[in-house]
N, C-alpha and C. Protein backbone atom coordinates (compact mmCIF):
# COMPACT_ATOMS: atom_id res chain seq x y z
N MET A 1 21.16 -16.57 -14.15
CA MET A 1 21.65 -15.44 -13.40
C MET A 1 20.52 -14.82 -12.60
N CYS A 2 20.86 -14.33 -11.47
CA CYS A 2 19.88 -13.66 -10.61
C CYS A 2 20.38 -12.26 -10.28
N TRP A 3 19.44 -11.35 -10.15
CA TRP A 3 19.77 -10.00 -9.76
C TRP A 3 19.03 -9.67 -8.48
N GLN A 4 19.68 -8.94 -7.63
CA GLN A 4 19.04 -8.49 -6.41
C GLN A 4 17.98 -7.45 -6.78
N PRO A 5 16.76 -7.61 -6.26
CA PRO A 5 15.72 -6.63 -6.60
C PRO A 5 16.08 -5.25 -6.06
N GLN A 6 15.72 -4.23 -6.81
CA GLN A 6 15.97 -2.87 -6.38
C GLN A 6 14.66 -2.11 -6.37
N TRP A 7 14.35 -1.53 -5.22
CA TRP A 7 13.13 -0.75 -5.07
C TRP A 7 13.36 0.66 -5.55
N PRO A 8 12.31 1.33 -6.03
CA PRO A 8 12.46 2.75 -6.38
C PRO A 8 12.91 3.55 -5.15
N GLU A 9 13.66 4.59 -5.41
CA GLU A 9 14.23 5.39 -4.32
C GLU A 9 13.15 5.97 -3.41
N ASP A 10 11.99 6.31 -3.97
CA ASP A 10 10.89 6.83 -3.15
C ASP A 10 10.47 5.82 -2.09
N ILE A 11 10.45 4.57 -2.44
CA ILE A 11 10.04 3.52 -1.50
C ILE A 11 11.13 3.28 -0.47
N VAL A 12 12.37 3.24 -0.92
CA VAL A 12 13.50 3.01 0.00
C VAL A 12 13.57 4.10 1.06
N ASN A 13 13.33 5.35 0.66
CA ASN A 13 13.46 6.49 1.57
C ASN A 13 12.19 6.82 2.34
N ALA A 14 11.08 6.20 1.99
CA ALA A 14 9.80 6.54 2.63
C ALA A 14 9.88 6.37 4.14
N GLY A 15 9.47 7.42 4.84
CA GLY A 15 9.44 7.37 6.30
C GLY A 15 10.73 7.75 6.98
N LEU A 16 11.80 7.93 6.23
CA LEU A 16 13.05 8.35 6.84
C LEU A 16 12.97 9.83 7.21
N PRO A 17 13.66 10.23 8.28
CA PRO A 17 13.62 11.63 8.68
C PRO A 17 14.06 12.56 7.55
N GLY A 18 13.26 13.60 7.31
CA GLY A 18 13.58 14.58 6.29
C GLY A 18 13.22 14.18 4.88
N LYS A 19 12.69 12.98 4.69
CA LYS A 19 12.31 12.53 3.35
C LYS A 19 10.80 12.63 3.18
N PRO A 20 10.34 12.94 1.98
CA PRO A 20 8.90 13.07 1.78
C PRO A 20 8.20 11.71 1.85
N LYS A 21 6.95 11.75 2.29
CA LYS A 21 6.14 10.54 2.31
C LYS A 21 5.43 10.42 0.97
N PRO A 22 5.37 9.21 0.41
CA PRO A 22 4.61 9.04 -0.83
C PRO A 22 3.14 9.34 -0.58
N LYS A 23 2.44 9.81 -1.61
CA LYS A 23 1.03 10.13 -1.43
C LYS A 23 0.23 8.86 -1.20
N ASN A 24 -0.82 8.98 -0.41
CA ASN A 24 -1.73 7.86 -0.21
C ASN A 24 -2.56 7.67 -1.47
N THR A 25 -2.84 6.43 -1.78
CA THR A 25 -3.64 6.15 -2.96
C THR A 25 -5.01 5.64 -2.52
N THR A 26 -5.98 5.81 -3.40
CA THR A 26 -7.32 5.28 -3.17
C THR A 26 -7.65 4.36 -4.34
N LEU A 27 -8.73 3.66 -4.21
CA LEU A 27 -9.15 2.74 -5.26
C LEU A 27 -9.36 3.46 -6.59
N ASP A 28 -9.82 4.70 -6.52
CA ASP A 28 -10.08 5.48 -7.74
C ASP A 28 -8.81 5.85 -8.50
N ASP A 29 -7.64 5.71 -7.88
CA ASP A 29 -6.38 6.02 -8.55
C ASP A 29 -5.97 4.94 -9.55
N TYR A 30 -6.62 3.79 -9.51
CA TYR A 30 -6.25 2.66 -10.35
C TYR A 30 -7.24 2.46 -11.49
N PRO A 31 -6.80 1.85 -12.60
CA PRO A 31 -7.72 1.54 -13.69
C PRO A 31 -8.79 0.55 -13.24
N LYS A 32 -9.89 0.50 -13.98
CA LYS A 32 -11.04 -0.34 -13.60
C LYS A 32 -10.67 -1.81 -13.43
N ASP A 33 -9.82 -2.37 -14.31
CA ASP A 33 -9.47 -3.78 -14.19
C ASP A 33 -8.68 -4.06 -12.91
N ILE A 34 -7.83 -3.12 -12.51
CA ILE A 34 -7.07 -3.28 -11.26
C ILE A 34 -8.00 -3.11 -10.07
N GLN A 35 -8.94 -2.18 -10.15
CA GLN A 35 -9.92 -2.00 -9.07
C GLN A 35 -10.67 -3.30 -8.81
N GLU A 36 -11.09 -3.96 -9.86
CA GLU A 36 -11.83 -5.21 -9.72
C GLU A 36 -10.99 -6.27 -9.03
N ARG A 37 -9.72 -6.37 -9.41
CA ARG A 37 -8.84 -7.37 -8.78
C ARG A 37 -8.57 -7.03 -7.31
N LEU A 38 -8.42 -5.75 -7.02
CA LEU A 38 -8.21 -5.35 -5.62
C LEU A 38 -9.44 -5.69 -4.77
N LEU A 39 -10.61 -5.43 -5.31
CA LEU A 39 -11.84 -5.71 -4.56
C LEU A 39 -12.06 -7.20 -4.35
N LEU A 40 -11.57 -8.03 -5.26
CA LEU A 40 -11.67 -9.47 -5.07
C LEU A 40 -10.87 -9.95 -3.86
N ASN A 41 -9.86 -9.16 -3.46
CA ASN A 41 -9.03 -9.51 -2.31
C ASN A 41 -9.36 -8.70 -1.07
N ALA A 42 -10.50 -8.04 -1.06
CA ALA A 42 -10.86 -7.18 0.07
C ALA A 42 -10.97 -7.95 1.38
N ASP A 43 -11.21 -9.25 1.32
CA ASP A 43 -11.29 -10.04 2.55
C ASP A 43 -9.95 -10.16 3.25
N ARG A 44 -8.88 -9.73 2.64
CA ARG A 44 -7.54 -9.80 3.24
C ARG A 44 -7.07 -8.44 3.78
N TRP A 45 -7.90 -7.42 3.68
CA TRP A 45 -7.50 -6.07 4.05
C TRP A 45 -7.62 -5.81 5.55
N LEU A 46 -6.77 -4.92 6.04
CA LEU A 46 -6.86 -4.34 7.38
C LEU A 46 -6.78 -2.83 7.20
N LEU A 47 -7.70 -2.10 7.78
CA LEU A 47 -7.65 -0.64 7.75
C LEU A 47 -7.01 -0.20 9.05
N MET A 48 -5.84 0.46 8.94
CA MET A 48 -5.06 0.83 10.12
C MET A 48 -4.70 2.30 10.10
N THR A 49 -4.50 2.86 11.30
CA THR A 49 -3.98 4.21 11.42
C THR A 49 -2.47 4.17 11.22
N GLU A 50 -1.85 5.35 11.13
CA GLU A 50 -0.40 5.40 11.00
C GLU A 50 0.30 4.83 12.22
N ASP A 51 -0.39 4.83 13.37
CA ASP A 51 0.19 4.29 14.60
C ASP A 51 0.05 2.78 14.70
N GLY A 52 -0.64 2.16 13.75
CA GLY A 52 -0.81 0.71 13.75
C GLY A 52 -2.09 0.23 14.40
N GLU A 53 -2.94 1.15 14.84
CA GLU A 53 -4.21 0.77 15.44
C GLU A 53 -5.16 0.28 14.34
N ILE A 54 -5.75 -0.89 14.56
CA ILE A 54 -6.66 -1.45 13.57
C ILE A 54 -8.03 -0.79 13.72
N LEU A 55 -8.48 -0.13 12.64
CA LEU A 55 -9.78 0.52 12.65
C LEU A 55 -10.86 -0.42 12.15
N ARG A 56 -10.52 -1.22 11.16
CA ARG A 56 -11.50 -2.15 10.58
C ARG A 56 -10.77 -3.38 10.10
N ASN A 57 -11.25 -4.54 10.52
CA ASN A 57 -10.66 -5.80 10.10
C ASN A 57 -11.62 -6.45 9.11
N TYR A 58 -11.26 -6.41 7.83
CA TYR A 58 -12.10 -6.98 6.79
C TYR A 58 -11.92 -8.49 6.68
N ARG A 59 -11.02 -9.05 7.48
CA ARG A 59 -10.75 -10.48 7.43
C ARG A 59 -11.79 -11.32 8.15
N THR A 60 -12.61 -10.67 8.97
CA THR A 60 -13.59 -11.44 9.73
C THR A 60 -14.95 -11.33 9.12
C-alpha cells in the first residue's frame, strides 16, 4: 500500500497571502551531528535573496 505524502500545514501555507512565513533557520539551530552532515554537503549550496538573486555560489 502507498500513501500520498502530506506536508505539515506550515509548509503548505508558507508564502501564501495572509499566512505567516516560517522562521529562517541557521546552522546553529541543528544538533552537532546534523551540522556536520550539512557541512559535508556545502558544495551543493546556493546563497540566494528572497528575489532569487544568487549572492554566493558554493558549487564552484
